[in-house]
Amino acid sequence: MESPKNIQEKEMLITEKDTAPNTDVYGKSNEEMMRKVLHCISSKGECLLNNEVLENTPKRFLKAFYELTSGYFTDVKEMITSAIFDAEGYDDIVIVDDISFNSLCEHHLLPFTGKVTIGYLPDSKILGLSKFARLVEAFSKRLSLQERLTKEIACALDSNLLPKGVVVQIVAEHTCMGIRGVKCPGSKTKTIFTTGVFKTDESMLKRFTALKNI
């Protein structure tokens, strides 16, 4: 029979294997696929890009794409639960405002950028402040939609911190709307998602809005 220590070590290896990024995805085969895409920029069958671009841009693109989708490899539950503290009697709204983010729209792989505001009403626990920015990063560094991103942040806080309520608001500008298609730069999209008392008590949501605008 294996010792508990050996079993634990094997479980750790399995966990690391399952959650680690698949670096093969960003290897030689996909560099070649990217080069084929670049060859589409051609005239009369001749590629219009120089050799440096054809050789190195696929590598740069894949490295950047990995960074922009690194949120898939973040354990959100572990990140939140590692920084939960006793509220020590504090029972009013906490607001973390102007958290900058960027994400990739899953429809066109074009970036959208903006600001996130998070508010919550503690029950008995509070969250370390840096984790709010980490949480936004974990979900925004994925292929995303603003509506889903807003909900994911709120639900992650709600299910792991167990507050009396959460409200998340995002204001963002989408380049898929600004530089292509309708070409309407400067247009902003606003989304909000609420749980608990912020959904059931209108006065709490109004108070959040008033405090946010101070």
C-alpha atoms as a PDB file:
ATOM      1  CA  MET A   1       0.000   0.000   0.000  1.00  0.00           C
ATOM      2  CA  GLU A   2       1.300   3.446  -0.937  1.00  0.00           C
ATOM      3  CA  SER A   3       2.064   5.882   1.831  1.00  0.00           C
ATOM      4  CA  PRO A   4      -0.167   8.974   2.254  1.00  0.00           C
ATOM      5  CA  LYS A   5       2.823  11.108   1.261  1.00  0.00           C
ATOM      6  CA  ASN A   6       3.249   9.304  -2.086  1.00  0.00           C
ATOM      7  CA  ILE A   7      -0.473   9.509  -2.806  1.00  0.00           C
ATOM      8  CA  GLN A   8      -0.453  13.242  -2.028  1.00  0.00           C
ATOM      9  CA  GLU A   9       2.546  13.811  -4.327  1.00  0.00           C
ATOM     10  CA  LYS A  10       0.799  11.975  -7.184  1.00  0.00           C
ATOM     11  CA  GLU A  11      -2.363  14.013  -6.665  1.00  0.00           C
ATOM     12  CA  MET A  12      -0.292  17.210  -6.840  1.00  0.00           C
ATOM     13  CA  LEU A  13       1.291  16.079 -10.133  1.00  0.00           C
ATOM     14  CA  ILE A  14      -2.125  15.291 -11.604  1.00  0.00           C
ATOM     15  CA  THR A  15      -3.460  18.689 -10.513  1.00  0.00           C
ATOM     16  CA  GLU A  16      -0.462  20.517 -12.005  1.00  0.00           C
ATOM     17  CA  LYS A  17      -0.795  18.576 -15.264  1.00  0.00           C
ATOM     18  CA  ASP A  18      -4.522  19.320 -15.543  1.00  0.00           C
ATOM     19  CA  THR A  19      -4.242  23.042 -14.813  1.00  0.00           C
ATOM     20  CA  ALA A  20      -0.936  23.963 -16.474  1.00  0.00           C
ATOM     21  CA  PRO A  21      -1.085  25.746 -19.859  1.00  0.00           C
ATOM     22  CA  ASN A  22      -0.566  23.499 -22.859  1.00  0.00           C
ATOM     23  CA  THR A  23       2.573  25.057 -24.297  1.00  0.00           C
ATOM     24  CA  ASP A  24       2.365  22.785 -27.365  1.00  0.00           C
ATOM     25  CA  VAL A  25      -0.596  24.884 -28.481  1.00  0.00           C
ATOM     26  CA  TYR A  26       1.859  27.734 -29.049  1.00  0.00           C
ATOM     27  CA  GLY A  27       4.506  25.602 -30.782  1.00  0.00           C
ATOM     28  CA  LYS A  28       5.882  25.155 -34.296  1.00  0.00           C
ATOM     29  CA  SER A  29       2.705  23.802 -35.886  1.00  0.00           C
ATOM     30  CA  ASN A  30       0.731  26.882 -34.917  1.00  0.00           C
ATOM     31  CA  GLU A  31       3.556  29.176 -36.022  1.00  0.00           C
ATOM     32  CA  GLU A  32       3.163  27.621 -39.461  1.00  0.00           C
ATOM     33  CA  MET A  33      -0.607  28.094 -39.359  1.00  0.00           C
ATOM     34  CA  MET A  34      -0.076  31.763 -38.528  1.00  0.00           C
ATOM     35  CA  ARG A  35       2.349  32.125 -41.443  1.00  0.00           C
ATOM     36  CA  LYS A  36      -0.318  30.761 -43.775  1.00  0.00           C
ATOM     37  CA  VAL A  37      -2.674  33.461 -42.507  1.00  0.00           C
ATOM     38  CA  LEU A  38      -0.030  36.123 -43.190  1.00  0.00           C
ATOM     39  CA  HIS A  39       0.442  34.787 -46.701  1.00  0.00           C
ATOM     40  CA  CYS A  40      -3.177  35.807 -47.351  1.00  0.00           C
ATOM     41  CA  ILE A  41      -1.869  39.397 -47.493  1.00  0.00           C
ATOM     42  CA  SER A  42      -0.834  39.011 -51.094  1.00  0.00           C
ATOM     43  CA  SER A  43      -1.252  40.416 -54.565  1.00  0.00           C
ATOM     44  CA  LYS A  44      -1.333  38.253 -57.679  1.00  0.00           C
ATOM     45  CA  GLY A  45      -0.205  35.295 -55.626  1.00  0.00           C
ATOM     46  CA  GLU A  46       2.822  37.053 -54.139  1.00  0.00           C
ATOM     47  CA  CYS A  47       3.035  37.756 -50.407  1.00  0.00           C
ATOM     48  CA  LEU A  48       3.472  41.463 -49.652  1.00  0.00           C
ATOM     49  CA  LEU A  49       5.221  40.930 -46.310  1.00  0.00           C
ATOM     50  CA  ASN A  50       8.978  40.741 -45.806  1.00  0.00           C
ATOM     51  CA  ASN A  51      10.853  37.701 -44.498  1.00  0.00           C
ATOM     52  CA  GLU A  52      11.346  39.134 -40.978  1.00  0.00           C
ATOM     53  CA  VAL A  53       7.593  39.502 -40.560  1.00  0.00           C
ATOM     54  CA  LEU A  54       6.884  36.023 -41.915  1.00  0.00           C
ATOM     55  CA  GLU A  55       9.536  34.454 -39.687  1.00  0.00           C
ATOM     56  CA  ASN A  56       9.036  36.257 -36.363  1.00  0.00           C
ATOM     57  CA  THR A  57       5.527  37.722 -36.265  1.00  0.00           C
ATOM     58  CA  PRO A  58       3.887  34.301 -35.710  1.00  0.00           C
ATOM     59  CA  LYS A  59       6.120  33.793 -32.648  1.00  0.00           C
ATOM     60  CA  ARG A  60       5.333  37.253 -31.316  1.00  0.00           C
ATOM     61  CA  PHE A  61       1.624  36.787 -31.961  1.00  0.00           C
ATOM     62  CA  LEU A  62       1.435  33.442 -30.155  1.00  0.00           C
ATOM     63  CA  LYS A  63       3.386  34.790 -27.184  1.00  0.00           C
ATOM     64  CA  ALA A  64       1.045  37.783 -26.943  1.00  0.00           C
ATOM     65  CA  PHE A  65      -2.032  35.588 -27.416  1.00  0.00           C
ATOM     66  CA  TYR A  66      -0.935  33.342 -24.562  1.00  0.00           C
ATOM     67  CA  GLU A  67      -0.534  36.394 -22.308  1.00  0.00           C
ATOM     68  CA  LEU A  68      -3.943  37.741 -23.310  1.00  0.00           C
ATOM     69  CA  THR A  69      -5.626  34.399 -22.519  1.00  0.00           C
ATOM     70  CA  SER A  70      -3.635  33.536 -19.376  1.00  0.00           C
ATOM     71  CA  GLY A  71      -6.737  33.887 -17.210  1.00  0.00           C
ATOM     72  CA  TYR A  72      -7.839  30.389 -18.210  1.00  0.00           C
ATOM     73  CA  PHE A  73      -5.034  29.019 -16.021  1.00  0.00           C
ATOM     74  CA  THR A  74      -5.938  30.963 -12.859  1.00  0.00           C
ATOM     75  CA  ASP A  75      -7.604  29.106  -9.986  1.00  0.00           C
ATOM     76  CA  VAL A  76     -10.152  31.774  -9.052  1.00  0.00           C
ATOM     77  CA  LYS A  77     -11.515  29.953  -6.013  1.00  0.00           C
ATOM     78  CA  GLU A  78      -8.041  29.472  -4.510  1.00  0.00           C
ATOM     79  CA  MET A  79      -7.114  33.076  -5.234  1.00  0.00           C
ATOM     80  CA  ILE A  80     -10.165  34.446  -3.409  1.00  0.00           C
ATOM     81  CA  THR A  81     -10.164  32.062  -0.454  1.00  0.00           C
ATOM     82  CA  SER A  82      -6.469  32.697   0.206  1.00  0.00           C
ATOM     83  CA  ALA A  83      -7.191  36.322   1.155  1.00  0.00           C
ATOM     84  CA  ILE A  84     -10.429  36.247   3.144  1.00  0.00           C
ATOM     85  CA  PHE A  85     -10.309  37.967   6.538  1.00  0.00           C
ATOM     86  CA  ASP A  86     -12.658  38.587   9.441  1.00  0.00           C
ATOM     87  CA  ALA A  87     -14.721  41.752   8.949  1.00  0.00           C
ATOM     88  CA  GLU A  88     -14.248  42.680  12.629  1.00  0.00           C
ATOM     89  CA  GLY A  89     -17.718  44.159  12.843  1.00  0.00           C
ATOM     90  CA  TYR A  90     -17.578  46.160   9.598  1.00  0.00           C
ATOM     91  CA  ASP A  91     -21.028  45.878   8.029  1.00  0.00           C
ATOM     92  CA  ASP A  92     -21.291  48.603   5.398  1.00  0.00           C
ATOM     93  CA  ILE A  93     -20.630  48.716   1.661  1.00  0.00           C
ATOM     94  CA  VAL A  94     -17.111  48.216   0.314  1.00  0.00           C
ATOM     95  CA  ILE A  95     -16.408  49.697  -3.137  1.00  0.00           C
ATOM     96  CA  VAL A  96     -13.298  49.185  -5.273  1.00  0.00           C
ATOM     97  CA  ASP A  97     -13.472  51.590  -8.198  1.00  0.00           C
ATOM     98  CA  ASP A  98     -11.670  52.212 -11.505  1.00  0.00           C
ATOM     99  CA  ILE A  99     -10.041  48.792 -11.967  1.00  0.00           C
ATOM    100  CA  SER A 100      -8.574  48.970 -15.466  1.00  0.00           C
ATOM    101  CA  PHE A 101      -8.818  45.908 -17.700  1.00  0.00           C
ATOM    102  CA  ASN A 102      -8.460  44.714 -21.263  1.00  0.00           C
ATOM    103  CA  SER A 103      -9.946  41.633 -22.835  1.00  0.00           C
ATOM    104  CA  LEU A 104     -10.428  39.996 -26.221  1.00  0.00           C
ATOM    105  CA  CYS A 105     -13.890  39.870 -27.747  1.00  0.00           C
ATOM    106  CA  GLU A 106     -14.589  36.224 -28.555  1.00  0.00           C
ATOM    107  CA  HIS A 107     -16.436  37.155 -31.749  1.00  0.00           C
ATOM    108  CA  HIS A 108     -13.602  38.965 -33.563  1.00  0.00           C
ATOM    109  CA  LEU A 109     -10.541  38.512 -31.298  1.00  0.00           C
ATOM    110  CA  LEU A 110     -10.312  42.292 -31.047  1.00  0.00           C
ATOM    111  CA  PRO A 111      -9.678  44.024 -27.706  1.00  0.00           C
ATOM    112  CA  PHE A 112     -12.135  45.854 -25.529  1.00  0.00           C
ATOM    113  CA  THR A 113     -10.897  47.966 -22.637  1.00  0.00           C
ATOM    114  CA  GLY A 114     -12.416  49.831 -19.752  1.00  0.00           C
ATOM    115  CA  LYS A 115     -12.993  50.138 -16.021  1.00  0.00           C
ATOM    116  CA  VAL A 116     -14.620  47.852 -13.473  1.00  0.00           C
ATOM    117  CA  THR A 117     -16.316  48.916 -10.250  1.00  0.00           C
ATOM    118  CA  ILE A 118     -17.000  46.272  -7.606  1.00  0.00           C
ATOM    119  CA  GLY A 119     -19.127  46.752  -4.516  1.00  0.00           C
ATOM    120  CA  TYR A 120     -20.182  44.287  -1.851  1.00  0.00           C
ATOM    121  CA  LEU A 121     -21.865  44.236   1.536  1.00  0.00           C
ATOM    122  CA  PRO A 122     -19.907  41.969   3.898  1.00  0.00           C
ATOM    123  CA  ASP A 123     -21.620  39.412   6.054  1.00  0.00           C
ATOM    124  CA  SER A 124     -18.787  38.380   8.349  1.00  0.00           C
ATOM    125  CA  LYS A 125     -15.799  38.309   5.973  1.00  0.00           C
ATOM    126  CA  ILE A 126     -13.882  40.801   3.805  1.00  0.00           C
ATOM    127  CA  LEU A 127     -11.498  40.264   0.888  1.00  0.00           C
ATOM    128  CA  GLY A 128      -7.949  41.599   0.587  1.00  0.00           C
ATOM    129  CA  LEU A 129      -8.094  44.605  -1.727  1.00  0.00           C
ATOM    130  CA  SER A 130      -5.473  43.450  -4.245  1.00  0.00           C
ATOM    131  CA  LYS A 131      -7.601  40.393  -5.022  1.00  0.00           C
ATOM    132  CA  PHE A 132     -10.246  42.516  -6.701  1.00  0.00           C
ATOM    133  CA  ALA A 133      -7.790  43.533  -9.406  1.00  0.00           C
ATOM    134  CA  ARG A 134      -6.541  39.928  -9.583  1.00  0.00           C
ATOM    135  CA  LEU A 135     -10.106  38.704  -9.995  1.00  0.00           C
ATOM    136  CA  VAL A 136     -10.802  41.127 -12.822  1.00  0.00           C
ATOM    137  CA  GLU A 137      -7.569  40.049 -14.511  1.00  0.00           C
ATOM    138  CA  ALA A 138      -8.382  36.344 -14.133  1.00  0.00           C
ATOM    139  CA  PHE A 139     -11.659  36.669 -16.019  1.00  0.00           C
ATOM    140  CA  SER A 140     -10.699  39.420 -18.475  1.00  0.00           C
ATOM    141  CA  LYS A 141      -7.590  37.589 -19.714  1.00  0.00           C
ATOM    142  CA  ARG A 142      -9.810  35.200 -21.652  1.00  0.00           C
ATOM    143  CA  LEU A 143     -11.895  35.316 -24.804  1.00  0.00           C
ATOM    144  CA  SER A 144     -14.906  37.089 -23.431  1.00  0.00           C
ATOM    145  CA  LEU A 145     -18.087  39.105 -23.748  1.00  0.00           C
ATOM    146  CA  GLN A 146     -18.642  42.138 -21.541  1.00  0.00           C
ATOM    147  CA  GLU A 147     -21.983  40.859 -20.324  1.00  0.00           C
ATOM    148  CA  ARG A 148     -20.533  37.514 -19.261  1.00  0.00           C
ATOM    149  CA  LEU A 149     -17.427  39.119 -17.769  1.00  0.00           C
ATOM    150  CA  THR A 150     -19.608  41.285 -15.520  1.00  0.00           C
ATOM    151  CA  LYS A 151     -21.557  38.255 -14.316  1.00  0.00           C
ATOM    152  CA  GLU A 152     -18.482  36.061 -13.801  1.00  0.00           C
ATOM    153  CA  ILE A 153     -16.790  38.579 -11.508  1.00  0.00           C
ATOM    154  CA  ALA A 154     -19.933  39.076  -9.432  1.00  0.00           C
ATOM    155  CA  CYS A 155     -20.747  35.373  -9.115  1.00  0.00           C
ATOM    156  CA  ALA A 156     -17.172  34.437  -8.182  1.00  0.00           C
ATOM    157  CA  LEU A 157     -17.260  36.911  -5.299  1.00  0.00           C
ATOM    158  CA  ASP A 158     -20.746  35.901  -4.273  1.00  0.00           C
ATOM    159  CA  SER A 159     -20.035  32.162  -4.136  1.00  0.00           C
ATOM    160  CA  ASN A 160     -16.597  32.328  -2.479  1.00  0.00           C
ATOM    161  CA  LEU A 161     -16.803  35.338  -0.126  1.00  0.00           C
ATOM    162  CA  LEU A 162     -20.477  34.768   0.786  1.00  0.00           C
ATOM    163  CA  PRO A 163     -21.372  38.447   1.310  1.00  0.00           C
ATOM    164  CA  LYS A 164     -24.896  39.805   1.718  1.00  0.00           C
ATOM    165  CA  GLY A 165     -24.729  41.093  -1.842  1.00  0.00           C
ATOM    166  CA  VAL A 166     -22.437  42.000  -4.748  1.00  0.00           C
ATOM    167  CA  VAL A 167     -22.691  44.578  -7.515  1.00  0.00           C
ATOM    168  CA  VAL A 168     -20.317  44.776 -10.482  1.00  0.00           C
ATOM    169  CA  GLN A 169     -20.381  47.530 -13.095  1.00  0.00           C
ATOM    170  CA  ILE A 170     -18.250  47.676 -16.235  1.00  0.00           C
ATOM    171  CA  VAL A 171     -17.837  50.547 -18.695  1.00  0.00           C
ATOM    172  CA  ALA A 172     -15.842  49.604 -21.790  1.00  0.00           C
ATOM    173  CA  GLU A 173     -15.006  50.578 -25.346  1.00  0.00           C
ATOM    174  CA  HIS A 174     -14.965  47.829 -27.985  1.00  0.00           C
ATOM    175  CA  THR A 175     -12.602  48.060 -30.927  1.00  0.00           C
ATOM    176  CA  CYS A 176     -14.712  45.516 -32.847  1.00  0.00           C
ATOM    177  CA  MET A 177     -17.304  48.305 -32.995  1.00  0.00           C
ATOM    178  CA  GLY A 178     -14.854  51.188 -33.309  1.00  0.00           C
ATOM    179  CA  ILE A 179     -12.418  50.117 -36.047  1.00  0.00           C
ATOM    180  CA  ARG A 180     -14.485  47.733 -38.173  1.00  0.00           C
ATOM    181  CA  GLY A 181     -18.077  47.240 -39.277  1.00  0.00           C
ATOM    182  CA  VAL A 182     -20.103  50.261 -38.199  1.00  0.00           C
ATOM    183  CA  LYS A 183     -16.859  52.123 -37.251  1.00  0.00           C
ATOM    184  CA  CYS A 184     -18.195  54.038 -34.258  1.00  0.00           C
ATOM    185  CA  PRO A 185     -15.154  54.948 -32.127  1.00  0.00           C
ATOM    186  CA  GLY A 186     -15.743  56.388 -28.682  1.00  0.00           C
ATOM    187  CA  SER A 187     -18.985  54.525 -28.058  1.00  0.00           C
ATOM    188  CA  LYS A 188     -19.082  52.945 -24.580  1.00  0.00           C
ATOM    189  CA  THR A 189     -20.990  49.926 -23.327  1.00  0.00           C
ATOM    190  CA  LYS A 190     -22.205  49.796 -19.711  1.00  0.00           C
ATOM    191  CA  THR A 191     -23.162  46.588 -17.926  1.00  0.00           C
ATOM    192  CA  ILE A 192     -24.165  45.799 -14.346  1.00  0.00           C
ATOM    193  CA  PHE A 193     -24.780  42.567 -12.449  1.00  0.00           C
ATOM    194  CA  THR A 194     -26.176  42.320  -8.930  1.00  0.00           C
ATOM    195  CA  THR A 195     -26.719  39.626  -6.310  1.00  0.00           C
ATOM    196  CA  GLY A 196     -28.283  39.487  -2.858  1.00  0.00           C
ATOM    197  CA  VAL A 197     -29.424  42.758  -1.301  1.00  0.00           C
ATOM    198  CA  PHE A 198     -28.320  44.783  -4.320  1.00  0.00           C
ATOM    199  CA  LYS A 199     -30.843  42.845  -6.406  1.00  0.00           C
ATOM    200  CA  THR A 200     -33.689  42.740  -3.863  1.00  0.00           C
ATOM    201  CA  ASP A 201     -33.340  46.158  -2.173  1.00  0.00           C
ATOM    202  CA  GLU A 202     -33.435  49.108  -4.574  1.00  0.00           C
ATOM    203  CA  SER A 203     -32.266  51.505  -1.859  1.00  0.00           C
ATOM    204  CA  MET A 204     -28.995  49.550  -1.511  1.00  0.00           C
ATOM    205  CA  LEU A 205     -28.302  49.839  -5.234  1.00  0.00           C
ATOM    206  CA  LYS A 206     -29.039  53.574  -5.108  1.00  0.00           C
ATOM    207  CA  ARG A 207     -26.657  53.956  -2.170  1.00  0.00           C
ATOM    208  CA  PHE A 208     -23.941  52.106  -4.080  1.00  0.00           C
ATOM    209  CA  THR A 209     -24.432  54.462  -7.032  1.00  0.00           C
ATOM    210  CA  ALA A 210     -24.279  57.529  -4.786  1.00  0.00           C
ATOM    211  CA  LEU A 211     -21.098  56.351  -3.047  1.00  0.00           C
ATOM    212  CA  LYS A 212     -19.489  55.424  -6.361  1.00  0.00           C
ATOM    213  CA  ASN A 213     -20.036  58.934  -7.686  1.00  0.00           C
ATOM    214  CA  ILE A 214     -18.439  60.693  -4.698  1.00  0.00           C
END
